[in-house]
Amino acid sequence: MKDRFSALWEERYGPDVPVPSVTPDAITESLMAHRTVRAYLDTPLPEGALEAAFAAAQSASSSCNMQIWSVVAIEDQARKDRLATLAGNQAHIRQAPLLLVWLIDFGRLKRLGDAEGKPTENLEYLDTFMVGAVDAGIAAQNAVASFEAAGLGIVYLGAMRNNSEAVAKELNLPPLTAVAFGLSVGFPDPNKPAHIKPRLAPSVVLHREQYDASGEQEGIARYNEVYAAFQKAEGLPEKRWADATLPRLASPKVLHGRERLRDVLEKQGFRLR
């Protein structure tokens, strides 16, 4: 009988990737058990779960401790409905009891600089924007780990950028504050279970000392098969990973409004040079 780590490893990578010889720990196993949840009960979150997850988020690493992110927590059903409409009409945004919208927030530092009479010129540089995006992602993933440890499920929502300007208006965002992504949170519906989606084998993604793509095509070919088998098992079209992924890069049309993001950022006061 397989231990839990080995079982999770096989679900994540398929049966042909050797399981490393490690001593499993509860944190790693919890992270490896992650799955995207798109069907939720209407049960409210346990009391304090949001606050605990937010503390976990704020405990994440932050570049130079600048903390260039914020989050808006939304439980009002009418507001979730409006935001769902703006984000591709995804049913789980309406269904999950909690929606979090993560923000790249330059505004707080700009206001601080103005109040202190100090320059904030570096807010105009692309690297600072990357810091905000990276910090928001790290913080969100800490929150996700906390939510999942409490038995909750999540789904990230890149589509929250489809209509960034309208979302900013709905959330009353001040200048120099931009939507990074959304996150739906709630108890998974046991009648519509989510399963672990396989990933590319470590041999394709993990490089040692220097980047080495020599075995990439072989690894991707194997993953195409694993991914297609997963799709079939889920009752979805039996397509390869390449067939699912490359169309997302083919044309700006598939960005569903996100191709205008630079213009939206400029309207929000961002000057990225």
Protein backbone atom coordinates (compact mmCIF):
# COMPACT_ATOMS: atom_id res chain seq x y z
CA MET A 1 0.00 0.00 0.00
CA LYS A 2 1.37 3.42 -0.97
CA ASP A 3 1.97 6.06 1.64
CA ARG A 4 0.15 9.38 1.16
CA PHE A 5 3.17 11.19 -0.26
CA SER A 6 3.72 8.52 -2.92
CA ALA A 7 0.03 8.52 -3.83
CA LEU A 8 0.01 12.32 -4.18
CA TRP A 9 3.23 12.20 -6.20
CA GLU A 10 1.71 9.73 -8.65
CA GLU A 11 -1.45 11.83 -9.00
CA ARG A 12 0.63 14.93 -9.67
CA TYR A 13 3.11 13.42 -12.14
CA GLY A 14 1.67 10.14 -13.37
CA PRO A 15 2.88 6.60 -12.70
CA ASP A 16 6.24 6.75 -14.51
CA VAL A 17 8.07 9.47 -12.54
CA PRO A 18 10.14 7.91 -9.73
CA VAL A 19 9.12 8.96 -6.24
CA PRO A 20 12.05 10.60 -4.41
CA SER A 21 13.36 9.11 -1.21
CA VAL A 22 12.21 11.70 1.30
CA THR A 23 10.63 11.79 4.73
CA PRO A 24 7.15 13.20 4.05
CA ASP A 25 5.85 16.08 6.13
CA ALA A 26 2.34 17.39 6.64
CA ILE A 27 2.98 20.79 5.01
CA THR A 28 4.40 19.34 1.79
CA GLU A 29 1.61 16.78 1.58
CA SER A 30 -1.01 19.49 2.09
CA LEU A 31 0.52 21.56 -0.71
CA MET A 32 0.78 18.57 -3.03
CA ALA A 33 -2.91 17.80 -2.43
CA HIS A 34 -3.93 21.14 -3.93
CA ARG A 35 -6.64 21.03 -6.55
CA THR A 36 -8.69 23.69 -8.28
CA VAL A 37 -12.24 23.80 -6.92
CA ARG A 38 -15.04 25.14 -9.11
CA ALA A 39 -18.08 23.80 -7.24
CA TYR A 40 -18.90 25.04 -3.74
CA LEU A 41 -21.42 24.62 -0.97
CA ASP A 42 -23.18 27.78 0.20
CA THR A 43 -21.87 27.17 3.73
CA PRO A 44 -20.18 30.26 5.17
CA LEU A 45 -16.49 30.10 6.04
CA PRO A 46 -15.64 29.14 9.63
CA GLU A 47 -15.35 32.12 11.93
CA GLY A 48 -11.85 33.56 11.80
CA ALA A 49 -10.77 31.60 8.69
CA LEU A 50 -10.42 34.77 6.61
CA GLU A 51 -8.47 36.56 9.30
CA ALA A 52 -6.15 33.59 9.84
CA ALA A 53 -5.51 33.25 6.09
CA PHE A 54 -4.87 36.99 5.85
CA ALA A 55 -2.32 36.77 8.66
CA ALA A 56 -0.66 33.93 6.73
CA ALA A 57 -0.65 36.13 3.64
CA GLN A 58 0.97 39.01 5.49
CA SER A 59 3.55 36.59 6.90
CA ALA A 60 4.83 35.91 3.37
CA SER A 61 8.09 37.35 2.13
CA SER A 62 7.85 40.92 0.86
CA SER A 63 10.55 42.63 -1.19
CA CYS A 64 12.26 45.22 1.05
CA ASN A 65 9.16 44.94 3.28
CA MET A 66 7.41 47.43 1.00
CA GLN A 67 4.19 45.34 1.09
CA ILE A 68 2.99 46.59 -2.30
CA TRP A 69 -0.32 44.71 -2.30
CA SER A 70 -3.79 44.87 -0.83
CA VAL A 71 -6.86 42.65 -1.01
CA VAL A 72 -10.61 43.33 -1.10
CA ALA A 73 -12.78 40.68 0.57
CA ILE A 74 -16.27 40.40 -0.94
CA GLU A 75 -19.18 38.45 0.54
CA ASP A 76 -22.10 40.57 -0.70
CA GLN A 77 -23.97 38.41 -3.22
CA ALA A 78 -25.00 41.28 -5.50
CA ARG A 79 -21.41 42.50 -5.78
CA LYS A 80 -20.15 38.96 -6.44
CA ASP A 81 -22.78 38.65 -9.17
CA ARG A 82 -21.62 41.87 -10.83
CA LEU A 83 -17.97 40.86 -10.63
CA ALA A 84 -18.76 37.40 -11.98
CA THR A 85 -20.35 39.04 -15.02
CA LEU A 86 -17.21 41.10 -15.55
CA ALA A 87 -14.99 38.03 -15.17
CA GLY A 88 -16.38 35.76 -17.86
CA ASN A 89 -19.62 34.76 -16.10
CA GLN A 90 -17.89 32.08 -14.07
CA ALA A 91 -20.50 30.39 -11.89
CA HIS A 92 -18.11 29.63 -9.04
CA ILE A 93 -17.55 33.35 -8.44
CA ARG A 94 -21.26 33.67 -7.65
CA GLN A 95 -21.41 30.37 -5.79
CA ALA A 96 -18.43 30.56 -3.42
CA PRO A 97 -19.20 32.44 -0.20
CA LEU A 98 -16.00 34.52 -0.38
CA LEU A 99 -14.31 36.34 -3.23
CA LEU A 100 -10.92 37.94 -2.70
CA VAL A 101 -9.56 40.44 -5.22
CA TRP A 102 -5.80 40.85 -4.90
CA LEU A 103 -4.36 44.23 -5.84
CA ILE A 104 -1.01 45.68 -6.81
CA ASP A 105 -1.12 48.73 -4.59
CA PHE A 106 1.26 51.60 -5.30
CA GLY A 107 -1.26 54.09 -3.94
CA ARG A 108 -0.48 53.47 -0.28
CA LEU A 109 3.23 54.15 -0.78
CA LYS A 110 2.52 57.21 -2.91
CA ARG A 111 0.26 58.62 -0.20
CA LEU A 112 2.91 57.84 2.41
CA GLY A 113 5.58 59.58 0.36
CA ASP A 114 3.36 62.64 -0.12
CA ALA A 115 2.57 62.77 3.60
CA GLU A 116 6.27 62.54 4.49
CA GLY A 117 7.36 64.92 1.73
CA LYS A 118 9.55 62.22 0.19
CA PRO A 119 10.00 61.35 -3.52
CA THR A 120 8.53 58.09 -4.87
CA GLU A 121 9.93 58.19 -8.41
CA ASN A 122 10.70 54.48 -8.44
CA LEU A 123 6.98 53.72 -8.50
CA GLU A 124 7.22 54.57 -12.20
CA TYR A 125 9.53 51.66 -13.04
CA LEU A 126 8.50 48.25 -14.36
CA ASP A 127 10.63 46.46 -11.79
CA THR A 128 8.58 47.96 -8.96
CA PHE A 129 5.41 46.76 -10.68
CA MET A 130 6.93 43.29 -10.87
CA VAL A 131 7.65 43.48 -7.15
CA GLY A 132 3.98 44.24 -6.52
CA ALA A 133 2.80 41.38 -8.74
CA VAL A 134 5.26 38.89 -7.23
CA ASP A 135 4.49 39.93 -3.66
CA ALA A 136 0.74 39.65 -4.27
CA GLY A 137 1.19 36.15 -5.69
CA ILE A 138 3.37 34.99 -2.81
CA ALA A 139 0.94 36.42 -0.26
CA ALA A 140 -2.07 34.83 -1.97
CA GLN A 141 -0.45 31.42 -2.03
CA ASN A 142 0.21 31.66 1.71
CA ALA A 143 -3.47 32.42 2.18
CA VAL A 144 -4.40 29.48 -0.04
CA ALA A 145 -2.29 27.13 2.08
CA SER A 146 -4.12 28.38 5.18
CA PHE A 147 -7.56 28.00 3.58
CA GLU A 148 -6.81 24.50 2.35
CA ALA A 149 -5.49 23.46 5.77
CA ALA A 150 -8.92 24.49 7.11
CA GLY A 151 -10.67 22.18 4.64
CA LEU A 152 -11.62 24.93 2.19
CA GLY A 153 -11.09 24.98 -1.58
CA ILE A 154 -10.04 27.75 -3.93
CA VAL A 155 -9.78 28.75 -7.55
CA TYR A 156 -7.58 31.57 -8.86
CA LEU A 157 -9.34 34.01 -11.20
CA GLY A 158 -7.17 35.62 -13.87
CA ALA A 159 -10.39 36.65 -15.60
CA MET A 160 -10.79 39.33 -12.95
CA ARG A 161 -8.52 41.32 -15.32
CA ASN A 162 -10.88 40.89 -18.31
CA ASN A 163 -12.56 44.18 -17.48
CA SER A 164 -10.06 45.73 -15.09
CA GLU A 165 -11.42 49.24 -15.45
CA ALA A 166 -14.97 48.19 -14.55
CA VAL A 167 -13.72 46.04 -11.66
CA ALA A 168 -11.70 49.01 -10.36
CA LYS A 169 -14.86 51.12 -10.46
CA GLU A 170 -16.92 48.44 -8.69
CA LEU A 171 -14.32 48.21 -5.92
CA ASN A 172 -13.75 51.97 -5.72
CA LEU A 173 -10.03 51.55 -6.31
CA PRO A 174 -7.95 54.70 -5.91
CA PRO A 175 -5.26 55.78 -8.39
CA LEU A 176 -2.10 53.65 -8.59
CA THR A 177 -4.00 50.52 -7.54
CA ALA A 178 -4.64 47.69 -10.03
CA VAL A 179 -6.34 44.29 -10.03
CA ALA A 180 -3.86 41.40 -10.05
CA PHE A 181 -6.26 38.43 -9.83
CA GLY A 182 -9.22 37.07 -7.92
CA LEU A 183 -9.63 34.09 -5.62
CA SER A 184 -12.87 32.25 -4.87
CA VAL A 185 -12.95 30.47 -1.50
CA GLY A 186 -15.42 28.04 0.05
CA PHE A 187 -16.19 24.49 1.09
CA PRO A 188 -15.93 22.14 -1.91
CA ASP A 189 -19.16 20.49 -3.02
CA PRO A 190 -18.61 16.75 -2.27
CA ASN A 191 -21.02 15.82 -5.05
CA LYS A 192 -18.73 17.48 -7.60
CA PRO A 193 -15.26 16.52 -6.39
CA ALA A 194 -12.17 18.18 -7.82
CA HIS A 195 -9.13 16.06 -8.61
CA ILE A 196 -5.41 16.71 -8.66
CA LYS A 197 -4.34 17.92 -12.09
CA PRO A 198 -1.07 16.45 -13.35
CA ARG A 199 1.92 18.71 -13.96
CA LEU A 200 5.01 18.57 -16.13
CA ALA A 201 7.60 16.20 -14.71
CA PRO A 202 10.34 17.81 -12.60
CA SER A 203 12.87 16.77 -15.26
CA VAL A 204 11.28 19.34 -17.61
CA VAL A 205 11.00 22.22 -15.15
CA LEU A 206 13.78 21.73 -12.59
CA HIS A 207 17.21 22.70 -13.97
CA ARG A 208 20.41 22.12 -12.01
CA GLU A 209 23.26 24.63 -12.21
CA GLN A 210 22.33 25.76 -15.75
CA TYR A 211 19.26 25.72 -17.96
CA ASP A 212 19.12 22.47 -19.93
CA ALA A 213 16.29 21.83 -22.41
CA SER A 214 17.86 18.73 -23.94
CA GLY A 215 15.18 16.37 -22.59
CA GLU A 216 12.31 18.80 -22.87
CA GLN A 217 10.54 17.40 -25.92
CA GLU A 218 10.59 13.85 -24.57
CA GLY A 219 9.21 15.06 -21.23
CA ILE A 220 6.47 17.11 -22.88
CA ALA A 221 5.49 14.18 -25.12
CA ARG A 222 5.04 12.00 -22.05
CA TYR A 223 3.10 14.75 -20.26
CA ASN A 224 0.81 15.18 -23.26
CA GLU A 225 -0.25 11.56 -22.76
CA VAL A 226 -0.71 11.92 -19.00
CA TYR A 227 -2.73 15.12 -19.47
CA ALA A 228 -4.97 13.57 -22.14
CA ALA A 229 -5.65 10.58 -19.87
CA PHE A 230 -6.58 12.96 -17.03
CA GLN A 231 -8.95 14.85 -19.32
CA LYS A 232 -10.63 11.61 -20.36
CA ALA A 233 -10.98 10.45 -16.75
CA GLU A 234 -12.64 13.78 -15.91
CA GLY A 235 -15.15 13.35 -18.73
CA LEU A 236 -13.58 16.22 -20.67
CA PRO A 237 -12.33 16.30 -24.27
CA GLU A 238 -9.30 14.03 -24.54
CA LYS A 239 -6.80 16.68 -25.60
CA ARG A 240 -3.07 16.93 -25.05
CA TRP A 241 -1.52 19.65 -22.90
CA ALA A 242 -0.08 21.24 -26.05
CA ASP A 243 -3.57 21.36 -27.58
CA ALA A 244 -4.96 23.00 -24.44
CA THR A 245 -2.13 25.48 -23.94
CA LEU A 246 -0.92 26.75 -27.30
CA PRO A 247 -4.30 28.19 -28.40
CA ARG A 248 -4.07 30.47 -25.36
CA LEU A 249 -1.00 32.07 -26.96
CA ALA A 250 -2.24 32.25 -30.53
CA SER A 251 -4.04 35.59 -30.65
CA PRO A 252 -4.96 38.57 -28.44
CA LYS A 253 -8.61 37.57 -28.97
CA VAL A 254 -8.25 34.83 -26.34
CA LEU A 255 -7.18 37.38 -23.72
CA HIS A 256 -10.81 38.54 -23.46
CA GLY A 257 -9.98 42.18 -22.78
CA ARG A 258 -6.70 41.66 -20.96
CA GLU A 259 -4.81 42.76 -24.06
CA ARG A 260 -5.81 46.31 -23.06
CA LEU A 261 -4.23 46.02 -19.62
CA ARG A 262 -1.42 48.51 -20.30
CA ASP A 263 -3.98 51.18 -21.24
CA VAL A 264 -6.01 50.45 -18.11
CA LEU A 265 -2.91 50.72 -15.94
CA GLU A 266 -2.06 54.09 -17.48
CA LYS A 267 -5.59 55.32 -16.69
CA GLN A 268 -5.03 54.20 -13.10
CA GLY A 269 -1.94 56.39 -12.95
CA PHE A 270 0.78 53.79 -13.52
CA ARG A 271 3.78 55.01 -15.53
CA LEU A 272 5.90 51.98 -16.26
CA ARG A 273 9.30 52.70 -17.76
